[in-house]
Amino acid sequence: MRIRHVILLVATGIALAACGADGEPVQPTFNAAVGVGSSGSYVAGGVGVNRGPVGLFVGF
């Protein structure tokens, strides 16, 4: 009976990990730009974080 519980526990863990129930990974992003225009040079950039369908991005 004990071996049956171990096999069931391992199978449940594998199924849970396979379906993605542990969550999606967080994906950081970074953008940077340097440019020259008629009024001088400029620097721009931003950082962001994506997790599944939700994203947050802050530019500077």
N, C-alpha and C. Protein backbone atom coordinates (compact mmCIF):
# COMPACT_ATOMS: atom_id res chain seq x y z
N MET A 1 0.83 -1.20 0.00
CA MET A 1 0.00 0.00 0.00
C MET A 1 0.87 1.26 0.00
N ARG A 2 1.99 1.24 0.68
CA ARG A 2 2.84 2.42 0.76
C ARG A 2 3.44 2.76 -0.61
N ILE A 3 3.84 1.78 -1.38
CA ILE A 3 4.42 2.03 -2.70
C ILE A 3 3.40 2.66 -3.64
N ARG A 4 2.15 2.31 -3.46
CA ARG A 4 1.08 2.90 -4.28
C ARG A 4 0.96 4.39 -3.99
N HIS A 5 1.09 4.80 -2.75
CA HIS A 5 1.00 6.21 -2.39
C HIS A 5 2.18 6.99 -2.96
N VAL A 6 3.37 6.39 -2.93
CA VAL A 6 4.55 7.06 -3.48
C VAL A 6 4.40 7.25 -4.99
N ILE A 7 3.96 6.22 -5.67
CA ILE A 7 3.76 6.31 -7.12
C ILE A 7 2.70 7.36 -7.46
N LEU A 8 1.62 7.38 -6.70
CA LEU A 8 0.56 8.37 -6.92
C LEU A 8 1.07 9.79 -6.66
N LEU A 9 1.88 9.98 -5.63
CA LEU A 9 2.43 11.29 -5.31
C LEU A 9 3.38 11.76 -6.41
N VAL A 10 4.24 10.89 -6.90
CA VAL A 10 5.16 11.26 -7.98
C VAL A 10 4.39 11.57 -9.27
N ALA A 11 3.41 10.78 -9.60
CA ALA A 11 2.61 11.01 -10.81
C ALA A 11 1.85 12.33 -10.71
N THR A 12 1.34 12.65 -9.54
CA THR A 12 0.63 13.92 -9.35
C THR A 12 1.59 15.10 -9.51
N GLY A 13 2.80 14.99 -8.96
CA GLY A 13 3.79 16.05 -9.10
C GLY A 13 4.19 16.27 -10.53
N ILE A 14 4.38 15.19 -11.29
CA ILE A 14 4.73 15.31 -12.70
C ILE A 14 3.61 15.95 -13.50
N ALA A 15 2.38 15.54 -13.23
CA ALA A 15 1.23 16.12 -13.94
C ALA A 15 1.07 17.60 -13.62
N LEU A 16 1.29 17.97 -12.38
CA LEU A 16 1.16 19.37 -11.97
C LEU A 16 2.23 20.23 -12.63
N ALA A 17 3.46 19.73 -12.71
CA ALA A 17 4.54 20.48 -13.35
C ALA A 17 4.32 20.56 -14.86
N ALA A 18 3.78 19.52 -15.46
CA ALA A 18 3.58 19.49 -16.91
C ALA A 18 2.50 20.45 -17.37
N CYS A 19 1.52 20.72 -16.55
CA CYS A 19 0.43 21.60 -16.97
C CYS A 19 0.74 23.08 -16.75
N GLY A 20 1.86 23.40 -16.14
CA GLY A 20 2.24 24.78 -15.94
C GLY A 20 1.61 25.42 -14.72
N ALA A 21 1.13 24.63 -13.79
CA ALA A 21 0.47 25.18 -12.62
C ALA A 21 1.44 25.87 -11.67
N ASP A 22 2.73 25.68 -11.87
CA ASP A 22 3.70 26.34 -11.00
C ASP A 22 3.92 27.79 -11.41
N GLY A 23 3.30 28.24 -12.47
CA GLY A 23 3.37 29.64 -12.89
C GLY A 23 4.32 29.84 -14.05
N GLU A 24 4.14 30.96 -14.73
CA GLU A 24 5.00 31.29 -15.84
C GLU A 24 6.20 32.09 -15.32
N PRO A 25 7.32 31.99 -15.99
CA PRO A 25 8.49 32.73 -15.52
C PRO A 25 8.35 34.22 -15.76
N VAL A 26 8.99 34.99 -14.93
CA VAL A 26 9.02 36.45 -15.09
C VAL A 26 10.10 36.77 -16.09
N GLN A 27 9.77 37.61 -17.07
CA GLN A 27 10.71 37.97 -18.13
C GLN A 27 11.04 39.46 -18.07
N PRO A 28 12.24 39.81 -17.61
CA PRO A 28 12.61 41.22 -17.59
C PRO A 28 13.01 41.70 -18.98
N THR A 29 12.78 42.98 -19.27
CA THR A 29 13.16 43.57 -20.54
C THR A 29 13.88 44.89 -20.28
N PHE A 30 14.75 45.27 -21.20
CA PHE A 30 15.48 46.53 -21.09
C PHE A 30 15.69 47.08 -22.49
N ASN A 31 15.41 48.35 -22.67
CA ASN A 31 15.62 49.03 -23.95
C ASN A 31 16.44 50.29 -23.71
N ALA A 32 17.35 50.59 -24.63
CA ALA A 32 18.15 51.80 -24.53
C ALA A 32 18.37 52.36 -25.93
N ALA A 33 18.46 53.69 -26.00
CA ALA A 33 18.69 54.35 -27.29
C ALA A 33 19.48 55.64 -27.07
N VAL A 34 20.34 55.92 -28.00
CA VAL A 34 21.08 57.18 -28.03
C VAL A 34 20.90 57.74 -29.43
N GLY A 35 20.55 59.00 -29.51
CA GLY A 35 20.29 59.59 -30.82
C GLY A 35 20.79 61.01 -30.92
N VAL A 36 20.87 61.47 -32.15
CA VAL A 36 21.28 62.85 -32.43
C VAL A 36 20.22 63.46 -33.33
N GLY A 37 19.71 64.60 -32.92
CA GLY A 37 18.71 65.32 -33.70
C GLY A 37 19.15 66.74 -33.97
N SER A 38 18.25 67.52 -34.55
CA SER A 38 18.58 68.90 -34.89
C SER A 38 18.77 69.77 -33.64
N SER A 39 18.18 69.36 -32.52
CA SER A 39 18.32 70.13 -31.29
C SER A 39 19.35 69.54 -30.34
N GLY A 40 20.12 68.59 -30.78
CA GLY A 40 21.17 68.00 -29.94
C GLY A 40 21.00 66.49 -29.80
N SER A 41 21.75 65.93 -28.90
CA SER A 41 21.70 64.49 -28.69
C SER A 41 20.75 64.16 -27.53
N TYR A 42 20.32 62.93 -27.49
CA TYR A 42 19.42 62.50 -26.43
C TYR A 42 19.69 61.04 -26.07
N VAL A 43 19.29 60.68 -24.88
CA VAL A 43 19.39 59.30 -24.38
C VAL A 43 18.02 58.90 -23.88
N ALA A 44 17.59 57.71 -24.24
CA ALA A 44 16.29 57.21 -23.81
C ALA A 44 16.44 55.74 -23.44
N GLY A 45 15.54 55.26 -22.64
CA GLY A 45 15.59 53.85 -22.26
C GLY A 45 14.38 53.47 -21.44
N GLY A 46 14.36 52.24 -21.02
CA GLY A 46 13.26 51.76 -20.21
C GLY A 46 13.52 50.36 -19.70
N VAL A 47 12.82 50.02 -18.65
CA VAL A 47 12.89 48.68 -18.08
C VAL A 47 11.47 48.17 -17.90
N GLY A 48 11.33 46.87 -18.00
CA GLY A 48 10.00 46.30 -17.87
C GLY A 48 10.05 44.87 -17.36
N VAL A 49 8.89 44.39 -16.97
CA VAL A 49 8.73 43.02 -16.48
C VAL A 49 7.46 42.46 -17.10
N ASN A 50 7.56 41.25 -17.66
CA ASN A 50 6.41 40.55 -18.22
C ASN A 50 6.20 39.25 -17.46
N ARG A 51 4.97 38.99 -17.11
CA ARG A 51 4.60 37.72 -16.49
C ARG A 51 3.28 37.29 -17.11
N GLY A 52 3.37 36.34 -18.02
CA GLY A 52 2.17 35.90 -18.73
C GLY A 52 1.63 37.02 -19.59
N PRO A 53 0.32 37.27 -19.53
CA PRO A 53 -0.27 38.31 -20.36
C PRO A 53 -0.14 39.72 -19.78
N VAL A 54 0.44 39.85 -18.59
CA VAL A 54 0.53 41.14 -17.91
C VAL A 54 1.96 41.67 -18.02
N GLY A 55 2.11 42.94 -18.36
CA GLY A 55 3.42 43.54 -18.47
C GLY A 55 3.43 44.94 -17.86
N LEU A 56 4.59 45.33 -17.33
CA LEU A 56 4.78 46.66 -16.77
C LEU A 56 6.07 47.21 -17.35
N PHE A 57 6.01 48.40 -17.96
CA PHE A 57 7.17 49.00 -18.59
C PHE A 57 7.27 50.46 -18.17
N VAL A 58 8.47 50.88 -17.78
CA VAL A 58 8.70 52.27 -17.37
C VAL A 58 9.83 52.82 -18.24
N GLY A 59 9.54 53.90 -18.94
CA GLY A 59 10.53 54.52 -19.82
C GLY A 59 11.10 55.78 -19.19
N PHE A 60 12.32 56.11 -19.61
CA PHE A 60 12.95 57.35 -19.12
C PHE A 60 13.71 58.00 -20.25
